[in-house]
């Protein structure tokens, strides 16, 4: 059996434990190990059921992105799903961590699924310009119907196993020890005489054909103007799940997958995915130890400061917002309240979540209020004298080990670090306005910024649902500098005789939403 899959029998339950650090991807070796483990469990008359679980930080996730577009290596993820489903003894998938893509498709191939209460699952393939290609578009609708299936696949966003809507996928949620809980559930199934339950045979998701087709029509209507092929093909495959027998539906899905994976759109999105992963790699954080961050201080209640504060609140952090005086503070706090209320009215936030976030927000007009926070983000006006004064005052206020970050696009992080007694705790974080929505946060690591500071800041950014990109110290955001170069090139073409209309048309045909002129 492959090294990435271990085999052990406990009280008649065969446990296939998989491990492929650091990402727990479904490598060829792991897939072969799972097949070998099934063969071994089938041959063992003492084995009554099989548990499949992850040893590392997660249940297996999707295939290595480098395999996309290459000749498939046997066994494929689809082969593993089929073997699970056809196995003559109950197969139980035990999910924990972040279970995405092919990992969730393998879980769908199992007869039963259990998960930890904090597990997340999802099908994010649309972000790579493809669709779930191992039967996911056919099995998910059988369990959940069209509406939830389309939400998972078109948004690409993960869902909590504890979400009430996720109950259609799971037979139980586990609290406490994962292995002990899973073995107990497996033994209970065996005692009840529960046999294999192939997902392909489930039809509960098709119980209301009218509602199913209505969800398909609504999704098609929303995608009428999209240029992306993957979302449209996902809708087609989910529709096919209800119209075709399972095997024909899988064939339909596979044809759509192969068309998409060889498309320019998918190749571009996969290139961007790899580039983003590389951009998020910071050698300055190597060997670091993360510091705990539960309370964040924000200096400045303007548009940027409020946006950062609200991002922190949404991530479950406590926030202290500091303004220069009580009048400015009252204005900032009132605007936060209005934004939260507006989000509730638009159904972007529940009333209980708004109340929770509001309780977690404290206002102050003195930097002394930040004496116990773990992380301070300075969002004062773009004036070096003002920012240096803030950092000098913070140096005598914050506790040892607190991280100080400046949210600025123009000023010298090293100079600001030298204004404190702990330059290793200082770095720059460039949030984009409005700070509640753009994904990217530019990170400027100073000359003396410590690995712990860098790593803790990256972890905070990811907790906020943002994407860190390292930037050198320079005036303006990276986007501003790229845009300036683009405009310069366009102006040179204009001087050479091209018209603004031709330049705009060429850039829009290339993919820009709007040309430079």
Protein backbone atom coordinates (compact mmCIF):
# COMPACT_ATOMS: atom_id res chain seq x y z
CA UNK A 1 0.00 0.00 0.00
CA UNK A 2 1.20 3.54 -0.76
CA UNK A 3 2.97 5.36 2.07
CA UNK A 4 0.34 8.12 1.97
CA UNK A 5 -2.39 5.69 3.11
CA UNK A 6 -2.13 3.59 6.26
CA UNK A 7 -4.35 0.60 7.05
CA UNK A 8 -5.50 -0.49 10.49
CA UNK A 9 -8.38 -2.62 11.78
CA UNK A 10 -10.07 -1.67 15.08
CA UNK A 11 -12.93 -3.85 16.35
CA UNK A 12 -13.88 -4.97 12.86
CA UNK A 13 -13.62 -1.48 11.34
CA UNK A 14 -10.91 -0.94 8.71
CA UNK A 15 -9.45 2.57 8.97
CA UNK A 16 -7.82 4.04 5.86
CA UNK A 17 -5.85 7.06 7.12
CA UNK A 18 -4.51 9.32 4.41
CA UNK A 19 -1.71 11.86 4.68
CA UNK A 20 -0.01 13.89 1.99
CA UNK A 21 1.49 17.02 3.58
CA UNK A 22 1.55 19.90 3.25
CA UNK A 23 -1.67 20.22 1.24
CA UNK A 24 -3.18 16.71 1.55
CA UNK A 25 -3.80 16.68 -2.21
CA UNK A 26 -5.22 13.55 -3.82
CA UNK A 27 -1.99 12.42 -5.47
CA UNK A 28 -1.75 9.33 -7.66
CA UNK A 29 0.00 7.58 -4.78
CA UNK A 30 -2.86 8.39 -2.41
CA UNK A 31 -5.48 7.25 -4.90
CA UNK A 32 -3.69 3.96 -5.41
CA UNK A 33 -3.37 3.56 -1.66
CA UNK A 34 -7.12 3.99 -1.23
CA UNK A 35 -7.85 1.35 -3.87
CA UNK A 36 -5.33 -1.03 -2.28
CA UNK A 37 -6.93 -0.42 1.12
CA UNK A 38 -10.38 -1.28 -0.23
CA UNK A 39 -9.04 -4.51 -1.75
CA UNK A 40 -7.45 -5.44 1.56
CA UNK A 41 -10.65 -4.70 3.52
CA UNK A 42 -12.72 -6.72 1.06
CA UNK A 43 -10.47 -9.75 1.48
CA UNK A 44 -10.60 -9.55 5.29
CA UNK A 45 -13.69 -11.39 6.55
CA UNK A 46 -13.31 -9.73 9.97
CA UNK A 47 -13.84 -6.26 8.47
CA UNK A 48 -17.48 -5.14 8.53
CA UNK A 49 -17.08 -1.50 7.43
CA UNK A 50 -14.43 0.93 6.19
CA UNK A 51 -13.60 4.40 7.52
CA UNK A 52 -11.73 6.85 5.29
CA UNK A 53 -10.21 9.78 7.16
CA UNK A 54 -7.35 12.26 7.05
CA UNK A 55 -4.37 12.10 9.39
CA UNK A 56 -3.21 15.67 8.81
CA UNK A 57 -4.97 18.99 8.98
CA UNK A 58 -7.74 17.89 6.63
CA UNK A 59 -9.58 15.11 4.90
CA UNK A 60 -8.07 14.75 1.39
CA UNK A 61 -8.58 17.75 -0.87
CA UNK A 62 -8.58 17.99 -4.68
CA UNK A 63 -6.03 16.77 -7.14
CA UNK A 64 -2.74 18.56 -7.70
CA UNK A 65 -3.43 21.46 -10.06
CA UNK A 66 -0.38 20.45 -12.12
CA UNK A 67 -2.29 17.31 -13.21
CA UNK A 68 -5.01 19.39 -14.91
CA UNK A 69 -4.67 19.32 -18.68
CA UNK A 70 -2.36 16.31 -18.54
CA UNK A 71 -3.14 12.71 -19.49
CA UNK A 72 -5.08 11.31 -16.50
CA UNK A 73 -3.14 8.84 -14.38
CA UNK A 74 -4.99 5.79 -13.15
CA UNK A 75 -6.74 5.52 -10.83
CA UNK A 76 -8.46 8.86 -11.29
CA UNK A 77 -10.55 10.51 -8.59
CA UNK A 78 -13.59 9.32 -10.51
CA UNK A 79 -12.28 5.73 -10.36
CA UNK A 80 -11.91 6.00 -6.58
CA UNK A 81 -15.45 7.41 -6.24
CA UNK A 82 -16.83 4.52 -8.29
CA UNK A 83 -14.93 1.93 -6.23
CA UNK A 84 -16.24 3.44 -3.00
CA UNK A 85 -19.79 3.43 -4.30
CA UNK A 86 -19.65 -0.16 -5.60
CA UNK A 87 -17.91 -1.55 -2.48
CA UNK A 88 -19.82 -4.41 -0.85
CA UNK A 89 -19.20 -3.21 2.73
CA UNK A 90 -20.26 0.20 4.11
CA UNK A 91 -17.73 2.97 3.39
CA UNK A 92 -17.88 5.98 5.73
CA UNK A 93 -16.02 9.21 4.89
CA UNK A 94 -14.91 11.15 7.98
CA UNK A 95 -14.45 14.83 7.12
CA UNK A 96 -12.46 17.40 9.06
CA UNK A 97 -10.65 20.58 8.12
CA UNK A 98 -11.21 22.23 4.73
CA UNK A 99 -12.50 19.57 2.31
CA UNK A 100 -12.63 20.96 -1.20
CA UNK A 101 -12.94 19.81 -4.79
CA UNK A 102 -12.01 16.21 -5.45
CA UNK A 103 -11.82 15.50 -1.74
CA UNK A 104 -15.50 16.31 -1.33
CA UNK A 105 -16.31 14.35 -4.49
CA UNK A 106 -14.63 11.28 -2.96
CA UNK A 107 -16.69 11.79 0.19
CA UNK A 108 -19.81 11.88 -2.00
CA UNK A 109 -18.78 8.51 -3.41
CA UNK A 110 -18.81 7.01 0.10
CA UNK A 111 -22.00 5.40 1.39
CA UNK A 112 -22.11 7.52 4.54
CA UNK A 113 -20.51 10.81 5.57
CA UNK A 114 -19.77 12.23 9.00
CA UNK A 115 -17.91 15.44 9.82
CA UNK A 116 -16.58 17.50 12.68
CA UNK A 117 -18.77 20.47 13.59
CA UNK A 118 -16.10 22.90 12.37
CA UNK A 119 -15.37 21.12 9.07
CA UNK A 120 -15.88 23.03 5.82
CA UNK A 121 -16.57 21.59 2.38
CA UNK A 122 -17.02 22.96 -1.10
CA UNK A 123 -16.54 22.67 -4.84
CA UNK A 124 -14.39 25.64 -5.92
CA UNK A 125 -13.52 24.38 -9.42
CA UNK A 126 -15.35 27.28 -11.10
CA UNK A 127 -12.56 29.59 -9.90
CA UNK A 128 -10.21 27.59 -12.14
CA UNK A 129 -12.54 27.77 -15.13
CA UNK A 130 -13.61 24.12 -14.81
CA UNK A 131 -16.30 22.08 -13.05
CA UNK A 132 -16.29 19.12 -10.65
CA UNK A 133 -15.18 16.29 -12.93
CA UNK A 134 -15.49 13.19 -10.75
CA UNK A 135 -19.26 12.94 -10.62
CA UNK A 136 -19.78 15.94 -8.34
CA UNK A 137 -22.29 17.64 -10.64
CA UNK A 138 -24.34 14.42 -10.63
CA UNK A 139 -24.12 13.32 -6.99
CA UNK A 140 -24.64 16.67 -5.27
CA UNK A 141 -28.04 17.36 -6.91
CA UNK A 142 -29.20 13.85 -5.98
CA UNK A 143 -28.67 14.70 -2.34
CA UNK A 144 -29.37 18.43 -2.21
CA UNK A 145 -31.48 19.43 -5.20
CA UNK A 146 -30.57 22.02 -7.82
CA UNK A 147 -30.62 25.23 -5.78
CA UNK A 148 -28.03 24.25 -3.18
CA UNK A 149 -25.98 22.30 -5.72
CA UNK A 150 -25.74 25.36 -7.97
CA UNK A 151 -24.93 27.62 -5.03
CA UNK A 152 -21.99 25.42 -4.05
CA UNK A 153 -20.63 25.05 -7.57
CA UNK A 154 -21.28 28.52 -9.00
CA UNK A 155 -20.03 30.46 -5.98
CA UNK A 156 -17.12 28.11 -5.28
CA UNK A 157 -17.40 29.16 -1.63
CA UNK A 158 -17.01 26.60 1.17
CA UNK A 159 -19.88 25.76 3.50
CA UNK A 160 -19.74 24.83 7.17
CA UNK A 161 -20.74 21.26 7.94
CA UNK A 162 -22.75 22.71 10.84
CA UNK A 163 -24.86 24.81 8.45
CA UNK A 164 -28.44 23.47 8.65
CA UNK A 165 -28.57 23.19 4.85
CA UNK A 166 -25.54 20.87 4.91
CA UNK A 167 -27.52 18.19 6.76
CA UNK A 168 -28.44 16.61 3.40
CA UNK A 169 -24.80 15.58 2.96
CA UNK A 170 -23.99 14.23 6.43
CA UNK A 171 -25.33 11.44 8.59
CA UNK A 172 -23.78 12.79 11.80
CA UNK A 173 -21.57 15.54 13.20
CA UNK A 174 -18.78 14.61 15.59
CA UNK A 175 -17.80 16.54 18.69
CA UNK A 176 -14.78 15.41 20.68
CA UNK A 177 -12.20 12.89 19.51
CA UNK A 178 -12.53 12.40 15.74
CA UNK A 179 -11.31 8.81 15.48
CA UNK A 180 -13.23 7.51 18.49
CA UNK A 181 -16.41 9.22 17.34
CA UNK A 182 -16.08 7.86 13.80
CA UNK A 183 -15.44 4.29 15.00
CA UNK A 184 -18.47 4.48 17.28
CA UNK A 185 -20.67 5.65 14.37
CA UNK A 186 -19.31 2.89 12.11
CA UNK A 187 -19.98 0.23 14.73
CA UNK A 188 -23.50 1.56 15.24
CA UNK A 189 -24.15 1.29 11.49
CA UNK A 190 -22.88 -2.28 11.50
CA UNK A 191 -25.03 -3.18 14.52
CA UNK A 192 -28.07 -1.74 12.76
CA UNK A 193 -27.33 -3.87 9.71
CA UNK A 194 -26.88 -0.80 7.53
CA UNK A 195 -25.35 -1.86 4.24
CA UNK A 196 -23.90 0.08 1.29
CA UNK A 197 -25.94 3.10 0.21
CA UNK A 198 -24.72 4.33 -3.20
CA UNK A 199 -25.23 8.05 -3.71
CA UNK A 200 -25.96 7.41 -7.37
CA UNK A 201 -29.18 5.66 -6.29
CA UNK A 202 -30.40 8.57 -4.15
CA UNK A 203 -33.18 10.68 -5.67
CA UNK A 204 -34.35 12.84 -2.79
CA UNK A 205 -32.98 15.92 -4.56
CA UNK A 206 -35.34 15.27 -7.49
CA UNK A 207 -38.54 15.11 -5.42
CA UNK A 208 -39.84 18.46 -6.72
CA UNK A 209 -39.15 18.57 -10.49
CA UNK A 210 -40.80 21.97 -10.91
CA UNK A 211 -38.65 23.58 -8.24
CA UNK A 212 -35.57 21.84 -9.64
CA UNK A 213 -36.14 23.25 -13.12
CA UNK A 214 -37.03 26.66 -11.68
CA UNK A 215 -33.59 26.80 -10.01
CA UNK A 216 -31.97 25.87 -13.34
CA UNK A 217 -33.87 28.64 -15.15
CA UNK A 218 -33.01 31.26 -12.51
CA UNK A 219 -29.32 30.36 -12.70
CA UNK A 220 -29.33 30.55 -16.51
CA UNK A 221 -31.00 33.94 -16.38
CA UNK A 222 -28.35 35.30 -14.00
CA UNK A 223 -25.57 33.98 -16.25
CA UNK A 224 -27.04 35.33 -19.49
CA UNK A 225 -24.34 37.98 -19.89
CA UNK A 226 -21.36 36.19 -18.40
CA UNK A 227 -18.34 35.61 -20.60
CA UNK A 228 -17.19 32.65 -18.54
CA UNK A 229 -17.95 29.20 -19.92
CA UNK A 230 -17.59 27.16 -16.71
CA UNK A 231 -20.70 28.51 -14.90
CA UNK A 232 -22.89 27.81 -17.91
CA UNK A 233 -21.56 24.26 -18.23
CA UNK A 234 -22.15 23.66 -14.51
CA UNK A 235 -25.82 24.59 -14.96
CA UNK A 236 -26.05 22.25 -17.95
CA UNK A 237 -24.56 19.37 -15.95
CA UNK A 238 -26.86 19.92 -12.96
CA UNK A 239 -29.80 19.89 -15.36
CA UNK A 240 -28.47 16.68 -16.93
CA UNK A 241 -28.38 15.04 -13.48
CA UNK A 242 -32.19 15.11 -13.41
CA UNK A 243 -32.70 14.25 -17.08
CA UNK A 244 -30.17 11.46 -17.71
CA UNK A 245 -29.35 8.15 -16.03
CA UNK A 246 -26.35 8.46 -13.72
CA UNK A 247 -23.75 6.91 -16.04
CA UNK A 248 -24.82 9.06 -18.99
CA UNK A 249 -24.84 12.11 -16.74
CA UNK A 250 -21.24 11.39 -15.71
CA UNK A 251 -20.28 11.02 -19.38
CA UNK A 252 -21.94 14.39 -20.09
CA UNK A 253 -20.04 15.94 -17.17
CA UNK A 254 -16.72 14.48 -18.33
CA UNK A 255 -17.14 15.86 -21.84
CA UNK A 256 -17.86 19.33 -20.43
CA UNK A 257 -14.87 19.06 -18.09
CA UNK A 258 -12.47 18.13 -20.90
CA UNK A 259 -13.73 21.01 -23.06
CA UNK A 260 -13.27 23.48 -20.22
CA UNK A 261 -9.86 22.28 -19.01
CA UNK A 262 -8.37 22.83 -22.48
CA UNK A 263 -9.93 26.29 -22.89
CA UNK A 264 -8.00 29.56 -22.81
CA UNK A 265 -10.16 30.74 -19.90
CA UNK A 266 -9.26 27.80 -17.69
CA UNK A 267 -5.57 27.93 -18.57
CA UNK A 268 -5.52 31.65 -17.70
CA UNK A 269 -7.34 31.11 -14.40
CA UNK A 270 -5.05 28.24 -13.44
CA UNK A 271 -2.05 30.40 -14.25
CA UNK A 272 -3.48 33.12 -12.01
CA UNK A 273 -4.09 30.58 -9.23
CA UNK A 274 -0.48 29.41 -9.30
CA UNK A 275 0.75 33.00 -9.50
CA UNK A 276 -1.36 33.98 -6.48
CA UNK A 277 0.00 31.08 -4.45
CA UNK A 278 3.53 32.15 -5.30
CA UNK A 279 2.74 35.77 -4.49
CA UNK A 280 1.44 34.72 -1.08
CA UNK A 281 4.75 33.01 -0.23
CA UNK A 282 6.84 35.19 2.07
CA UNK A 283 10.37 33.96 2.77
CA UNK A 284 10.55 36.51 5.61
CA UNK A 285 8.07 34.38 7.61
CA UNK A 286 10.17 31.22 7.54
CA UNK A 287 10.62 29.62 10.96
CA UNK A 288 8.17 32.03 12.59
CA UNK A 289 5.88 31.43 15.54
CA UNK A 290 2.40 32.86 15.25
CA UNK A 291 1.25 35.29 17.92
CA UNK A 292 -2.31 35.14 19.15
CA UNK A 293 -4.58 37.89 17.82
CA UNK A 294 -8.01 38.30 19.41
CA UNK A 295 -8.27 42.09 19.75
CA UNK A 296 -7.34 44.63 17.08
CA UNK A 297 -6.95 48.37 17.47
CA UNK A 298 -7.69 50.72 14.56
CA UNK A 299 -6.34 54.27 14.66
CA UNK A 300 -8.49 56.46 12.43
CA UNK A 301 -12.22 56.24 11.81
CA UNK A 302 -12.29 57.50 8.24
CA UNK A 303 -13.39 55.43 5.24
CA UNK A 304 -10.31 53.20 5.35
CA UNK A 305 -10.26 52.75 9.13
CA UNK A 306 -13.95 51.92 9.30
CA UNK A 307 -13.62 49.42 6.47
CA UNK A 308 -10.72 47.62 8.18
CA UNK A 309 -12.60 47.64 11.48
CA UNK A 310 -15.67 46.08 9.90
CA UNK A 311 -13.57 43.40 8.19
CA UNK A 312 -12.10 42.49 11.58
CA UNK A 313 -15.54 42.40 13.19
CA UNK A 314 -16.85 40.11 10.46
CA UNK A 315 -13.91 37.77 11.17
CA UNK A 316 -14.95 37.46 14.81
CA UNK A 317 -12.32 39.77 16.29
CA UNK A 318 -12.80 42.38 18.97
CA UNK A 319 -12.05 45.90 17.72
CA UNK A 320 -11.20 49.18 19.43
CA UNK A 321 -11.62 52.14 17.07
CA UNK A 322 -9.71 55.29 18.08
CA UNK A 323 -10.41 58.76 16.73
CA UNK A 324 -8.80 62.12 17.54
CA UNK A 325 -11.76 63.45 19.59
CA UNK A 326 -15.25 62.50 20.72
CA UNK A 327 -16.97 64.32 17.86
CA UNK A 328 -15.01 62.43 15.19
CA UNK A 329 -15.47 59.18 17.13
CA UNK A 330 -19.23 59.61 17.33
CA UNK A 331 -19.37 60.24 13.58
CA UNK A 332 -17.30 57.12 12.84
CA UNK A 333 -19.33 54.87 15.15
CA UNK A 334 -22.63 56.14 13.70
CA UNK A 335 -21.42 55.38 10.18
CA UNK A 336 -20.44 51.85 11.22
CA UNK A 337 -23.96 51.40 12.66
CA UNK A 338 -25.54 52.64 9.43
CA UNK A 339 -23.40 50.30 7.32
CA UNK A 340 -24.30 47.31 9.50
CA UNK A 341 -28.01 48.18 9.41
CA UNK A 342 -27.85 48.56 5.63
CA UNK A 343 -26.24 45.10 5.36
CA UNK A 344 -29.11 43.61 7.39
CA UNK A 345 -31.72 45.26 5.16
CA UNK A 346 -29.98 43.84 2.08
CA UNK A 347 -29.89 40.36 3.67
CA UNK A 348 -26.09 40.44 3.58
CA UNK A 349 -25.97 40.07 7.37
CA UNK A 350 -28.34 38.62 9.94
CA UNK A 351 -29.63 40.78 12.77
CA UNK A 352 -27.93 38.55 15.33
CA UNK A 353 -24.58 38.85 13.52
CA UNK A 354 -24.98 42.63 13.40
CA UNK A 355 -25.65 42.73 17.13
CA UNK A 356 -22.66 40.46 17.81
CA UNK A 357 -20.35 42.65 15.74
CA UNK A 358 -21.66 45.81 17.35
CA UNK A 359 -20.97 44.44 20.83
CA UNK A 360 -17.42 43.53 19.74
CA UNK A 361 -16.73 47.14 18.69
CA UNK A 362 -15.52 49.71 21.20
CA UNK A 363 -14.78 53.36 20.53
CA UNK A 364 -12.16 55.56 22.19
CA UNK A 365 -10.61 59.00 21.76
CA UNK A 366 -7.28 58.19 23.42
CA UNK A 367 -4.55 55.81 22.28
CA UNK A 368 -4.27 54.54 25.88
CA UNK A 369 -7.32 52.39 25.08
CA UNK A 370 -5.01 50.25 22.91
CA UNK A 371 -2.73 49.22 25.78
CA UNK A 372 -3.85 45.57 25.71
CA UNK A 373 -4.60 44.93 22.04
CA UNK A 374 -2.62 42.33 20.07
CA UNK A 375 -2.50 44.14 16.74
CA UNK A 376 -2.74 47.85 15.85
CA UNK A 377 -3.50 49.09 12.35
CA UNK A 378 -2.85 52.78 11.83
CA UNK A 379 -5.23 54.32 9.27
CA UNK A 380 -4.60 58.02 9.94
CA UNK A 381 -4.54 60.63 7.12
CA UNK A 382 -1.71 60.39 4.56
CA UNK A 383 0.60 62.79 6.36
CA UNK A 384 4.03 61.59 7.50
CA UNK A 385 4.16 63.91 10.50
CA UNK A 386 0.76 62.70 11.71
CA UNK A 387 1.67 59.04 11.25
CA UNK A 388 5.05 59.39 12.93
CA UNK A 389 3.36 61.10 15.87
CA UNK A 390 0.87 58.21 16.15
CA UNK A 391 3.63 55.60 16.09
CA UNK A 392 5.70 57.50 18.64
CA UNK A 393 2.73 57.62 21.02
CA UNK A 394 1.85 53.97 20.45
CA UNK A 395 5.39 52.97 21.38
CA UNK A 396 4.75 54.03 24.95
CA UNK A 397 1.25 52.56 25.12
CA UNK A 398 0.99 49.10 23.53
CA UNK A 399 2.07 45.94 25.31
CA UNK A 400 5.25 44.06 24.42
CA UNK A 401 4.75 41.87 21.36
CA UNK A 402 1.87 43.88 19.93
CA UNK A 403 2.21 44.32 16.17
CA UNK A 404 2.01 47.81 14.66
CA UNK A 405 0.94 48.09 11.02
CA UNK A 406 0.58 51.20 8.92
CA UNK A 407 -2.09 51.19 6.24
CA UNK A 408 -0.48 53.55 3.77
CA UNK A 409 0.62 53.50 0.16
CA UNK A 410 3.12 56.33 0.16
CA UNK A 411 5.21 56.48 3.29
CA UNK A 412 8.45 54.87 4.46
CA UNK A 413 7.73 51.87 6.69
CA UNK A 414 11.36 51.75 7.88
CA UNK A 415 11.20 55.36 9.05
CA UNK A 416 8.01 54.63 10.96
CA UNK A 417 9.55 51.50 12.51
CA UNK A 418 12.47 53.56 13.78
CA UNK A 419 9.97 55.81 15.58
CA UNK A 420 9.23 52.90 17.91
CA UNK A 421 11.35 50.95 20.37
CA UNK A 422 10.45 47.65 18.68
CA UNK A 423 11.05 47.99 14.91
CA UNK A 424 10.73 44.23 14.53
CA UNK A 425 7.02 44.55 15.36
CA UNK A 426 6.30 47.03 12.55
CA UNK A 427 5.27 46.50 8.92
CA UNK A 428 3.04 48.05 6.26
CA UNK A 429 -0.38 46.76 5.20
CA UNK A 430 -1.95 48.42 2.18
CA UNK A 431 -5.70 47.83 2.24
CA UNK A 432 -7.62 48.94 -0.84
CA UNK A 433 -10.63 51.22 -0.42
CA UNK A 434 -13.30 50.28 0.43
CA UNK A 435 -11.44 47.98 2.80
CA UNK A 436 -14.48 45.72 3.30
CA UNK A 437 -14.47 44.30 -0.24
CA UNK A 438 -11.21 44.15 -2.26
CA UNK A 439 -9.41 40.82 -1.84
CA UNK A 440 -5.82 41.99 -2.03
CA UNK A 441 -3.78 43.42 0.83
CA UNK A 442 -0.27 44.56 -0.05
CA UNK A 443 2.30 43.71 2.60
CA UNK A 444 5.48 45.77 2.98
CA UNK A 445 8.04 43.98 5.12
CA UNK A 446 10.48 46.43 6.65
CA UNK A 447 14.23 46.04 7.01
CA UNK A 448 13.86 44.95 10.64
CA UNK A 449 10.42 43.31 10.57
CA UNK A 450 10.63 39.98 12.40
CA UNK A 451 9.46 36.63 10.97
CA UNK A 452 6.88 36.36 13.77
CA UNK A 453 5.41 39.75 12.84
CA UNK A 454 5.27 38.83 9.15
CA UNK A 455 3.68 35.42 9.70
CA UNK A 456 1.13 36.71 12.22
CA UNK A 457 0.13 39.51 9.84
CA UNK A 458 -0.31 37.05 6.96
CA UNK A 459 -2.50 34.86 9.17
CA UNK A 460 -4.63 37.87 10.11
CA UNK A 461 -5.05 38.88 6.47
CA UNK A 462 -6.21 35.38 5.55
CA UNK A 463 -8.58 35.35 8.51
CA UNK A 464 -10.13 38.52 7.10
CA UNK A 465 -10.73 36.63 3.86
CA UNK A 466 -8.09 38.65 2.04
CA UNK A 467 -5.12 37.71 -0.10
CA UNK A 468 -1.63 38.93 0.88
CA UNK A 469 0.77 40.11 -1.83
CA UNK A 470 4.27 41.34 -1.07
CA UNK A 471 5.06 44.83 -2.33
CA UNK A 472 8.27 46.79 -2.39
CA UNK A 473 8.32 50.19 -0.75
CA UNK A 474 7.22 52.72 -3.35
CA UNK A 475 4.72 55.49 -3.91
CA UNK A 476 1.28 54.18 -4.77
CA UNK A 477 -0.26 50.73 -4.80
CA UNK A 478 0.98 48.04 -7.16
CA UNK A 479 -2.19 48.52 -9.20
CA UNK A 480 -1.48 52.24 -9.53
CA UNK A 481 2.01 51.53 -10.81
CA UNK A 482 0.78 48.94 -13.33
CA UNK A 483 -1.96 51.31 -14.46
CA UNK A 484 0.55 54.12 -14.95
CA UNK A 485 2.66 51.88 -17.17
CA UNK A 486 -0.44 50.90 -19.17
CA UNK A 487 -1.44 54.53 -19.70
CA UNK A 488 2.08 55.44 -20.74
CA UNK A 489 2.06 52.69 -23.37
CA UNK A 490 -1.37 53.81 -24.59
CA UNK A 491 -0.19 57.43 -24.86
CA UNK A 492 2.82 56.34 -26.92
CA UNK A 493 0.50 54.47 -29.31
CA UNK A 494 -1.67 57.58 -29.52
CA UNK A 495 1.35 59.68 -30.45
CA UNK A 496 2.28 57.07 -33.07
CA UNK A 497 -1.06 57.58 -34.85
CA UNK A 498 -3.56 55.19 -33.26
CA UNK A 499 -6.93 56.63 -32.27
CA UNK A 500 -8.27 56.44 -28.70
CA UNK A 501 -11.22 54.45 -30.04
CA UNK A 502 -9.02 51.77 -31.58
CA UNK A 503 -6.92 51.49 -28.41
CA UNK A 504 -10.03 51.17 -26.21
CA UNK A 505 -11.54 48.57 -28.54
CA UNK A 506 -8.35 46.52 -28.55
CA UNK A 507 -8.03 46.58 -24.76
CA UNK A 508 -11.69 45.69 -24.21
CA UNK A 509 -11.45 42.81 -26.71
CA UNK A 510 -8.40 41.64 -24.76
CA UNK A 511 -10.52 41.46 -21.61
CA UNK A 512 -10.44 44.84 -19.86
CA UNK A 513 -13.84 46.06 -18.63
CA UNK A 514 -13.02 49.52 -19.99
CA UNK A 515 -10.30 50.90 -22.23
CA UNK A 516 -7.80 53.51 -20.98
CA UNK A 517 -9.53 56.36 -22.80
